[in-house]
Amino acid sequence: MAPAAPSTRTSRPCLPAILLTAGALAPPTAALSPRPPLLLPVATPAVFTASAGQASLAVYATRAAPTSQRPTAIGPFNLCHQLGGAFGPAIAAPIALGLGD
């Protein structure tokens, strides 16, 4: 939740740029990692991007909804975020492993 607090003071284009940069650094760093134990620090940008993105973008989502509808609006936002985490690896794994060919 630490990145969510400054996200209220950060410009809207700045935060996604930071998160996309951090997320984009994770796969090439993992691919270039020579040893498996080094994958733990490589996972840090990916975890940061996922957690900071959800918390920070939830701030924007709640601001976009009228006050009376904020509890109802944040539910589908969190649901979609969790479904992305659930279905994303299930879809990406066969593609990455070439099982769809």
N, C-alpha and C. Protein backbone atom coordinates (compact mmCIF):
# COMPACT_ATOMS: atom_id res chain seq x y z
N MET A 1 0.81 -1.19 0.00
CA MET A 1 0.00 0.00 0.00
C MET A 1 0.86 1.26 0.00
N ALA A 2 2.15 1.10 0.20
CA ALA A 2 3.02 2.28 0.23
C ALA A 2 2.97 3.08 -1.07
N PRO A 3 2.96 2.47 -2.25
CA PRO A 3 2.88 3.26 -3.47
C PRO A 3 1.52 3.92 -3.69
N ALA A 4 0.48 3.44 -3.02
CA ALA A 4 -0.85 4.01 -3.22
C ALA A 4 -0.95 5.41 -2.64
N ALA A 5 -0.27 5.66 -1.54
CA ALA A 5 -0.35 6.99 -0.91
C ALA A 5 0.21 8.09 -1.81
N PRO A 6 1.41 7.95 -2.37
CA PRO A 6 1.88 9.02 -3.25
C PRO A 6 1.17 9.07 -4.59
N SER A 7 0.42 8.02 -4.94
CA SER A 7 -0.26 8.03 -6.23
C SER A 7 -1.34 9.10 -6.28
N THR A 8 -1.81 9.54 -5.14
CA THR A 8 -2.81 10.61 -5.15
C THR A 8 -2.18 11.95 -5.51
N ARG A 9 -0.87 12.06 -5.31
CA ARG A 9 -0.17 13.31 -5.62
C ARG A 9 0.60 13.24 -6.93
N THR A 10 0.66 12.06 -7.53
CA THR A 10 1.40 11.87 -8.78
C THR A 10 0.47 12.11 -9.96
N SER A 11 1.02 12.61 -11.04
CA SER A 11 0.19 12.82 -12.22
C SER A 11 -0.27 11.47 -12.76
N ARG A 12 -1.41 11.46 -13.37
CA ARG A 12 -1.99 10.21 -13.85
C ARG A 12 -1.10 9.49 -14.87
N PRO A 13 -0.48 10.15 -15.85
CA PRO A 13 0.38 9.41 -16.79
C PRO A 13 1.69 8.93 -16.16
N CYS A 14 2.13 9.58 -15.11
CA CYS A 14 3.41 9.22 -14.50
C CYS A 14 3.36 7.84 -13.85
N LEU A 15 2.32 7.56 -13.10
CA LEU A 15 2.24 6.29 -12.39
C LEU A 15 2.21 5.09 -13.33
N PRO A 16 1.34 5.05 -14.33
CA PRO A 16 1.39 3.90 -15.25
C PRO A 16 2.74 3.77 -15.96
N ALA A 17 3.39 4.87 -16.26
CA ALA A 17 4.71 4.80 -16.90
C ALA A 17 5.72 4.10 -15.98
N ILE A 18 5.69 4.45 -14.71
CA ILE A 18 6.59 3.81 -13.74
C ILE A 18 6.27 2.32 -13.62
N LEU A 19 4.99 2.00 -13.50
CA LEU A 19 4.60 0.60 -13.34
C LEU A 19 4.90 -0.22 -14.59
N LEU A 20 4.65 0.33 -15.76
CA LEU A 20 4.96 -0.40 -17.00
C LEU A 20 6.45 -0.62 -17.17
N THR A 21 7.24 0.37 -16.79
CA THR A 21 8.69 0.23 -16.88
C THR A 21 9.18 -0.87 -15.94
N ALA A 22 8.71 -0.83 -14.70
CA ALA A 22 9.12 -1.86 -13.73
C ALA A 22 8.67 -3.24 -14.18
N GLY A 23 7.46 -3.34 -14.69
CA GLY A 23 6.97 -4.63 -15.17
C GLY A 23 7.69 -5.13 -16.40
N ALA A 24 8.07 -4.22 -17.27
CA ALA A 24 8.77 -4.60 -18.50
C ALA A 24 10.20 -5.06 -18.22
N LEU A 25 10.77 -4.62 -17.13
CA LEU A 25 12.13 -5.02 -16.79
C LEU A 25 12.21 -6.46 -16.27
N ALA A 26 11.12 -6.97 -15.72
CA ALA A 26 11.16 -8.29 -15.10
C ALA A 26 11.43 -9.43 -16.09
N PRO A 27 10.71 -9.57 -17.20
CA PRO A 27 10.97 -10.72 -18.08
C PRO A 27 12.38 -10.75 -18.69
N PRO A 28 12.90 -9.61 -19.22
CA PRO A 28 14.25 -9.72 -19.76
C PRO A 28 15.29 -10.02 -18.69
N THR A 29 15.08 -9.48 -17.51
CA THR A 29 16.03 -9.75 -16.43
C THR A 29 15.98 -11.23 -16.06
N ALA A 30 14.78 -11.82 -16.02
CA ALA A 30 14.66 -13.25 -15.72
C ALA A 30 15.30 -14.09 -16.82
N ALA A 31 15.12 -13.69 -18.05
CA ALA A 31 15.70 -14.45 -19.17
C ALA A 31 17.22 -14.41 -19.15
N LEU A 32 17.78 -13.32 -18.67
CA LEU A 32 19.24 -13.17 -18.64
C LEU A 32 19.86 -13.64 -17.34
N SER A 33 19.04 -14.08 -16.40
CA SER A 33 19.56 -14.52 -15.10
C SER A 33 20.30 -15.84 -15.26
N PRO A 34 21.57 -15.89 -14.88
CA PRO A 34 22.35 -17.11 -15.12
C PRO A 34 22.05 -18.24 -14.15
N ARG A 35 21.54 -17.94 -12.95
CA ARG A 35 21.31 -18.98 -11.95
C ARG A 35 19.92 -18.85 -11.34
N PRO A 36 19.29 -19.97 -11.01
CA PRO A 36 17.95 -19.92 -10.41
C PRO A 36 17.85 -19.09 -9.12
N PRO A 37 18.84 -19.11 -8.21
CA PRO A 37 18.68 -18.29 -7.00
C PRO A 37 18.57 -16.78 -7.29
N LEU A 38 19.06 -16.35 -8.43
CA LEU A 38 18.97 -14.94 -8.78
C LEU A 38 17.57 -14.55 -9.25
N LEU A 39 16.69 -15.52 -9.46
CA LEU A 39 15.34 -15.21 -9.89
C LEU A 39 14.51 -14.54 -8.79
N LEU A 40 14.88 -14.75 -7.55
CA LEU A 40 14.15 -14.11 -6.45
C LEU A 40 14.24 -12.59 -6.53
N PRO A 41 15.45 -12.00 -6.66
CA PRO A 41 15.47 -10.55 -6.81
C PRO A 41 14.88 -10.08 -8.14
N VAL A 42 14.88 -10.94 -9.13
CA VAL A 42 14.30 -10.58 -10.42
C VAL A 42 12.78 -10.47 -10.29
N ALA A 43 12.20 -11.27 -9.43
CA ALA A 43 10.75 -11.25 -9.24
C ALA A 43 10.28 -9.97 -8.54
N THR A 44 11.18 -9.26 -7.92
CA THR A 44 10.82 -8.05 -7.18
C THR A 44 10.12 -7.01 -8.06
N PRO A 45 10.63 -6.65 -9.24
CA PRO A 45 9.89 -5.67 -10.06
C PRO A 45 8.51 -6.17 -10.48
N ALA A 46 8.38 -7.46 -10.73
CA ALA A 46 7.08 -7.99 -11.12
C ALA A 46 6.08 -7.91 -9.98
N VAL A 47 6.52 -8.27 -8.78
CA VAL A 47 5.64 -8.20 -7.61
C VAL A 47 5.31 -6.75 -7.29
N PHE A 48 6.30 -5.87 -7.39
CA PHE A 48 6.05 -4.45 -7.16
C PHE A 48 5.01 -3.91 -8.13
N THR A 49 5.14 -4.26 -9.38
CA THR A 49 4.22 -3.77 -10.40
C THR A 49 2.80 -4.27 -10.13
N ALA A 50 2.67 -5.54 -9.80
CA ALA A 50 1.33 -6.08 -9.56
C ALA A 50 0.68 -5.47 -8.33
N SER A 51 1.42 -5.40 -7.24
CA SER A 51 0.82 -4.89 -6.01
C SER A 51 0.62 -3.38 -6.06
N ALA A 52 1.60 -2.65 -6.55
CA ALA A 52 1.47 -1.20 -6.62
C ALA A 52 0.42 -0.80 -7.65
N GLY A 53 0.35 -1.54 -8.73
CA GLY A 53 -0.64 -1.23 -9.75
C GLY A 53 -2.05 -1.40 -9.23
N GLN A 54 -2.31 -2.49 -8.53
CA GLN A 54 -3.65 -2.73 -8.02
C GLN A 54 -4.03 -1.67 -6.99
N ALA A 55 -3.14 -1.39 -6.07
CA ALA A 55 -3.45 -0.41 -5.02
C ALA A 55 -3.60 1.00 -5.58
N SER A 56 -2.69 1.39 -6.44
CA SER A 56 -2.70 2.75 -6.97
C SER A 56 -3.85 2.97 -7.95
N LEU A 57 -4.11 2.00 -8.79
CA LEU A 57 -5.20 2.15 -9.75
C LEU A 57 -6.56 2.05 -9.07
N ALA A 58 -6.62 1.39 -7.91
CA ALA A 58 -7.86 1.37 -7.14
C ALA A 58 -8.19 2.77 -6.64
N VAL A 59 -7.17 3.56 -6.34
CA VAL A 59 -7.39 4.95 -5.93
C VAL A 59 -8.07 5.71 -7.08
N TYR A 60 -7.57 5.54 -8.29
CA TYR A 60 -8.17 6.22 -9.45
C TYR A 60 -9.59 5.70 -9.71
N ALA A 61 -9.79 4.40 -9.55
CA ALA A 61 -11.11 3.82 -9.82
C ALA A 61 -12.14 4.35 -8.83
N THR A 62 -11.78 4.46 -7.57
CA THR A 62 -12.74 4.96 -6.59
C THR A 62 -13.02 6.44 -6.80
N ARG A 63 -12.05 7.19 -7.25
CA ARG A 63 -12.28 8.61 -7.53
C ARG A 63 -13.22 8.81 -8.71
N ALA A 64 -13.20 7.91 -9.67
CA ALA A 64 -14.02 8.05 -10.86
C ALA A 64 -15.49 7.76 -10.59
N ALA A 65 -15.78 6.99 -9.54
CA ALA A 65 -17.16 6.63 -9.22
C ALA A 65 -17.77 7.67 -8.28
N PRO A 66 -19.06 7.90 -8.38
CA PRO A 66 -19.72 8.78 -7.41
C PRO A 66 -19.60 8.19 -6.00
N THR A 67 -19.59 9.05 -5.01
CA THR A 67 -19.38 8.62 -3.63
C THR A 67 -20.35 7.53 -3.21
N SER A 68 -21.58 7.64 -3.59
CA SER A 68 -22.59 6.65 -3.18
C SER A 68 -22.36 5.28 -3.83
N GLN A 69 -21.63 5.24 -4.96
CA GLN A 69 -21.43 3.98 -5.67
C GLN A 69 -20.02 3.43 -5.54
N ARG A 70 -19.19 4.05 -4.74
CA ARG A 70 -17.79 3.59 -4.62
C ARG A 70 -17.66 2.17 -4.12
N PRO A 71 -18.38 1.76 -3.06
CA PRO A 71 -18.23 0.35 -2.63
C PRO A 71 -18.63 -0.64 -3.72
N THR A 72 -19.66 -0.30 -4.47
CA THR A 72 -20.10 -1.18 -5.55
C THR A 72 -19.11 -1.17 -6.71
N ALA A 73 -18.50 -0.04 -6.98
CA ALA A 73 -17.57 0.08 -8.10
C ALA A 73 -16.24 -0.61 -7.82
N ILE A 74 -15.77 -0.57 -6.58
CA ILE A 74 -14.45 -1.15 -6.28
C ILE A 74 -14.51 -2.68 -6.30
N GLY A 75 -15.69 -3.25 -6.07
CA GLY A 75 -15.83 -4.71 -6.12
C GLY A 75 -15.49 -5.29 -7.49
N PRO A 76 -16.14 -4.83 -8.58
CA PRO A 76 -15.78 -5.35 -9.91
C PRO A 76 -14.34 -5.04 -10.30
N PHE A 77 -13.82 -3.89 -9.83
CA PHE A 77 -12.42 -3.56 -10.12
C PHE A 77 -11.50 -4.62 -9.52
N ASN A 78 -11.70 -4.95 -8.25
CA ASN A 78 -10.87 -5.96 -7.60
C ASN A 78 -11.11 -7.34 -8.19
N LEU A 79 -12.35 -7.64 -8.56
CA LEU A 79 -12.64 -8.93 -9.18
C LEU A 79 -11.87 -9.10 -10.48
N CYS A 80 -11.90 -8.08 -11.32
CA CYS A 80 -11.18 -8.16 -12.60
C CYS A 80 -9.68 -8.28 -12.39
N HIS A 81 -9.16 -7.59 -11.39
CA HIS A 81 -7.72 -7.70 -11.10
C HIS A 81 -7.37 -9.11 -10.65
N GLN A 82 -8.19 -9.69 -9.79
CA GLN A 82 -7.92 -11.05 -9.32
C GLN A 82 -8.10 -12.08 -10.45
N LEU A 83 -9.09 -11.89 -11.30
CA LEU A 83 -9.29 -12.82 -12.41
C LEU A 83 -8.13 -12.75 -13.40
N GLY A 84 -7.57 -11.55 -13.57
CA GLY A 84 -6.39 -11.43 -14.43
C GLY A 84 -5.22 -12.24 -13.88
N GLY A 85 -5.06 -12.21 -12.56
CA GLY A 85 -4.00 -13.00 -11.93
C GLY A 85 -4.27 -14.49 -11.99
N ALA A 86 -5.55 -14.86 -12.02
CA ALA A 86 -5.90 -16.28 -12.07
C ALA A 86 -5.81 -16.84 -13.49
N PHE A 87 -6.38 -16.11 -14.45
CA PHE A 87 -6.43 -16.62 -15.82
C PHE A 87 -5.20 -16.27 -16.65
N GLY A 88 -4.49 -15.22 -16.30
CA GLY A 88 -3.31 -14.81 -17.05
C GLY A 88 -2.27 -15.91 -17.17
N PRO A 89 -1.82 -16.50 -16.06
CA PRO A 89 -0.84 -17.58 -16.18
C PRO A 89 -1.39 -18.82 -16.88
N ALA A 90 -2.68 -19.09 -16.69
CA ALA A 90 -3.27 -20.26 -17.35
C ALA A 90 -3.31 -20.08 -18.86
N ILE A 91 -3.44 -18.85 -19.31
CA ILE A 91 -3.45 -18.58 -20.75
C ILE A 91 -2.03 -18.44 -21.29
N ALA A 92 -1.16 -17.79 -20.50
CA ALA A 92 0.20 -17.52 -20.97
C ALA A 92 1.08 -18.78 -20.99
N ALA A 93 0.87 -19.70 -20.06
CA ALA A 93 1.74 -20.88 -19.98
C ALA A 93 1.68 -21.73 -21.25
N PRO A 94 0.51 -22.10 -21.74
CA PRO A 94 0.50 -22.88 -23.00
C PRO A 94 1.10 -22.13 -24.18
N ILE A 95 0.89 -20.81 -24.20
CA ILE A 95 1.45 -20.02 -25.29
C ILE A 95 2.98 -20.03 -25.20
N ALA A 96 3.49 -19.81 -23.98
CA ALA A 96 4.95 -19.75 -23.79
C ALA A 96 5.60 -21.11 -24.03
N LEU A 97 4.89 -22.17 -23.68
CA LEU A 97 5.46 -23.50 -23.86
C LEU A 97 5.20 -24.08 -25.24
N GLY A 98 4.46 -23.35 -26.05
CA GLY A 98 4.20 -23.81 -27.42
C GLY A 98 3.23 -24.96 -27.49
N LEU A 99 2.36 -25.09 -26.49
CA LEU A 99 1.40 -26.20 -26.46
C LEU A 99 0.20 -25.96 -27.37
N GLY A 100 0.04 -24.73 -27.83
CA GLY A 100 -1.09 -24.43 -28.68
C GLY A 100 -0.84 -24.78 -30.15
N ASP A 101 0.36 -25.20 -30.48
CA ASP A 101 0.69 -25.50 -31.89
C ASP A 101 0.20 -26.86 -32.28
